[in-house]
């Protein structure tokens, strides 16, 4: 039986030769600062994480997340302030609602909703950022390459 994630995929890659690409949309005040702190503390997290800085995760746009997948990302991580501590009051709550909608869309188009995840983290949590980012990359690696990744490359678009 095929699952939605494998129904349109090419032959599956083994986890040892698959290197996922994950786009991390990080709020400037907390998550981006936590990622920076992780680097300063020399806490390793996978090079698969490509960080996009946002003023607030409340500015996350569903279309931008879908474009990340269309452009070849295997997963997306939305990283914002700790609940109740958003610098823009409710931005992280709006981001959580959008993530729920994004996950429903992913399921509709045949991708596993686990490819998109949100974490809430403070600027002082560099170690935890590295751990949670690594966890998400491991989750995406277990899911295998995004079926969209291959179709984007076949169309000649850069991935």
Protein backbone atom coordinates (compact mmCIF):
# COMPACT_ATOMS: atom_id res chain seq x y z
CA UNK A 1 0.00 0.00 0.00
CA UNK A 2 1.33 3.45 -0.86
CA UNK A 3 1.06 6.40 1.43
CA UNK A 4 0.39 9.89 0.06
CA UNK A 5 4.05 10.84 0.47
CA UNK A 6 5.25 7.93 -1.63
CA UNK A 7 2.44 7.83 -4.18
CA UNK A 8 4.04 10.46 -6.45
CA UNK A 9 7.65 10.08 -5.38
CA UNK A 10 10.50 8.60 -7.34
CA UNK A 11 12.15 5.48 -5.96
CA UNK A 12 12.69 6.14 -2.26
CA UNK A 13 16.13 7.14 -1.09
CA UNK A 14 17.54 5.45 1.95
CA UNK A 15 17.90 7.62 5.00
CA UNK A 16 21.69 7.35 4.82
CA UNK A 17 21.95 8.99 1.40
CA UNK A 18 19.10 11.48 1.81
CA UNK A 19 20.03 14.95 3.03
CA UNK A 20 16.83 16.91 3.64
CA UNK A 21 16.46 20.62 3.13
CA UNK A 22 14.45 22.41 5.82
CA UNK A 23 13.50 26.08 5.73
CA UNK A 24 13.19 27.63 9.19
CA UNK A 25 11.09 30.79 9.44
CA UNK A 26 12.33 32.40 12.68
CA UNK A 27 11.06 35.45 14.53
CA UNK A 28 13.73 38.10 14.98
CA UNK A 29 13.32 38.57 18.73
CA UNK A 30 13.37 35.02 20.03
CA UNK A 31 13.96 32.14 17.63
CA UNK A 32 16.51 33.90 15.41
CA UNK A 33 18.35 35.04 18.53
CA UNK A 34 18.21 31.46 19.89
CA UNK A 35 19.68 30.13 16.62
CA UNK A 36 22.41 32.75 16.85
CA UNK A 37 23.07 31.79 20.47
CA UNK A 38 23.28 28.12 19.47
CA UNK A 39 26.00 29.08 17.02
CA UNK A 40 27.80 31.16 19.64
CA UNK A 41 27.66 28.25 22.08
CA UNK A 42 28.92 25.93 19.34
CA UNK A 43 25.78 23.81 19.66
CA UNK A 44 25.56 21.90 16.40
CA UNK A 45 22.38 21.70 14.43
CA UNK A 46 22.05 20.29 10.92
CA UNK A 47 23.26 22.32 7.98
CA UNK A 48 19.95 21.26 6.40
CA UNK A 49 18.35 24.16 8.27
CA UNK A 50 18.12 27.30 6.14
CA UNK A 51 16.98 30.21 8.32
CA UNK A 52 14.70 32.99 7.11
CA UNK A 53 14.40 35.85 9.59
CA UNK A 54 10.94 37.37 10.12
CA UNK A 55 9.98 40.33 12.31
CA UNK A 56 7.44 38.00 13.95
CA UNK A 57 6.03 34.58 13.12
CA UNK A 58 2.68 36.35 12.91
CA UNK A 59 3.99 37.57 9.55
CA UNK A 60 4.29 34.03 8.21
CA UNK A 61 2.43 33.77 4.95
CA UNK A 62 0.87 30.50 3.90
CA UNK A 63 1.91 31.15 0.31
CA UNK A 64 5.58 31.58 1.33
CA UNK A 65 5.52 28.26 3.16
CA UNK A 66 3.98 26.53 0.16
CA UNK A 67 6.58 28.19 -2.09
CA UNK A 68 9.32 26.74 0.12
CA UNK A 69 7.96 23.27 -0.58
CA UNK A 70 7.49 24.06 -4.25
CA UNK A 71 11.10 25.27 -4.45
CA UNK A 72 12.37 21.93 -3.15
CA UNK A 73 12.26 22.11 0.65
CA UNK A 74 11.58 18.77 2.30
CA UNK A 75 10.32 20.40 5.47
CA UNK A 76 9.49 23.72 7.13
CA UNK A 77 10.09 24.81 10.70
CA UNK A 78 8.31 27.85 12.09
CA UNK A 79 10.07 29.08 15.21
CA UNK A 80 8.56 31.83 17.33
CA UNK A 81 8.38 33.31 20.79
CA UNK A 82 7.24 31.35 23.82
CA UNK A 83 3.44 31.38 24.17
CA UNK A 84 2.38 34.45 26.11
CA UNK A 85 5.68 36.24 25.41
CA UNK A 86 5.27 37.38 21.81
CA UNK A 87 6.80 40.81 21.26
CA UNK A 88 3.79 41.60 19.06
CA UNK A 89 1.32 40.17 21.60
CA UNK A 90 -0.47 37.49 19.54
CA UNK A 91 1.75 36.94 16.50
CA UNK A 92 2.82 33.44 17.52
CA UNK A 93 -0.82 32.49 18.10
CA UNK A 94 -1.69 33.61 14.56
CA UNK A 95 1.28 31.61 13.27
CA UNK A 96 0.00 28.50 15.08
CA UNK A 97 -3.41 28.91 13.39
CA UNK A 98 -1.73 29.27 10.01
CA UNK A 99 0.37 26.18 10.68
CA UNK A 100 -2.79 24.17 11.35
CA UNK A 101 -4.15 25.36 8.01
CA UNK A 102 -0.82 24.64 6.24
CA UNK A 103 -0.77 21.11 7.64
CA UNK A 104 -4.32 20.54 6.35
CA UNK A 105 -3.26 21.81 2.91
CA UNK A 106 -0.21 19.54 2.89
CA UNK A 107 -2.41 16.58 3.66
CA UNK A 108 -4.78 17.56 0.82
CA UNK A 109 -1.96 17.70 -1.73
CA UNK A 110 -0.51 14.37 -0.63
CA UNK A 111 2.29 15.43 1.71
CA UNK A 112 2.63 14.39 5.32
CA UNK A 113 1.60 17.23 7.65
CA UNK A 114 4.61 16.42 9.87
CA UNK A 115 6.80 18.10 7.24
CA UNK A 116 5.74 21.42 8.80
CA UNK A 117 6.23 22.09 12.50
CA UNK A 118 6.16 25.04 14.88
CA UNK A 119 8.30 25.47 17.96
CA UNK A 120 8.10 28.18 20.61
CA UNK A 121 11.39 29.24 22.09
CA UNK A 122 12.98 32.19 23.88
CA UNK A 123 16.16 34.00 22.87
CA UNK A 124 18.04 32.33 25.74
CA UNK A 125 17.24 28.80 24.56
CA UNK A 126 20.07 28.22 22.08
CA UNK A 127 20.67 24.63 23.19
CA UNK A 128 16.99 23.82 22.90
CA UNK A 129 16.82 25.43 19.46
CA UNK A 130 19.62 23.16 18.27
CA UNK A 131 17.88 20.11 19.75
CA UNK A 132 14.44 20.93 18.31
CA UNK A 133 15.84 21.83 14.89
CA UNK A 134 17.74 18.51 14.85
CA UNK A 135 14.58 16.64 15.86
CA UNK A 136 12.64 18.18 12.99
CA UNK A 137 15.37 17.34 10.48
CA UNK A 138 15.32 13.75 11.75
CA UNK A 139 11.52 13.65 11.34
CA UNK A 140 11.79 14.96 7.78
CA UNK A 141 14.63 12.52 7.01
CA UNK A 142 12.41 9.65 8.18
CA UNK A 143 9.65 10.83 5.83
CA UNK A 144 12.07 10.82 2.90
CA UNK A 145 12.44 13.32 0.09
CA UNK A 146 9.48 15.53 -0.69
CA UNK A 147 7.65 14.29 -3.77
CA UNK A 148 7.58 17.92 -4.94
CA UNK A 149 11.37 18.09 -4.85
CA UNK A 150 11.73 15.76 -7.81
CA UNK A 151 8.96 17.36 -9.84
CA UNK A 152 10.47 20.82 -9.37
CA UNK A 153 13.84 19.62 -10.65
CA UNK A 154 12.24 17.89 -13.63
CA UNK A 155 10.61 21.17 -14.67
CA UNK A 156 14.01 22.85 -14.76
CA UNK A 157 13.43 25.17 -11.81
CA UNK A 158 16.28 25.55 -9.35
CA UNK A 159 15.76 23.48 -6.22
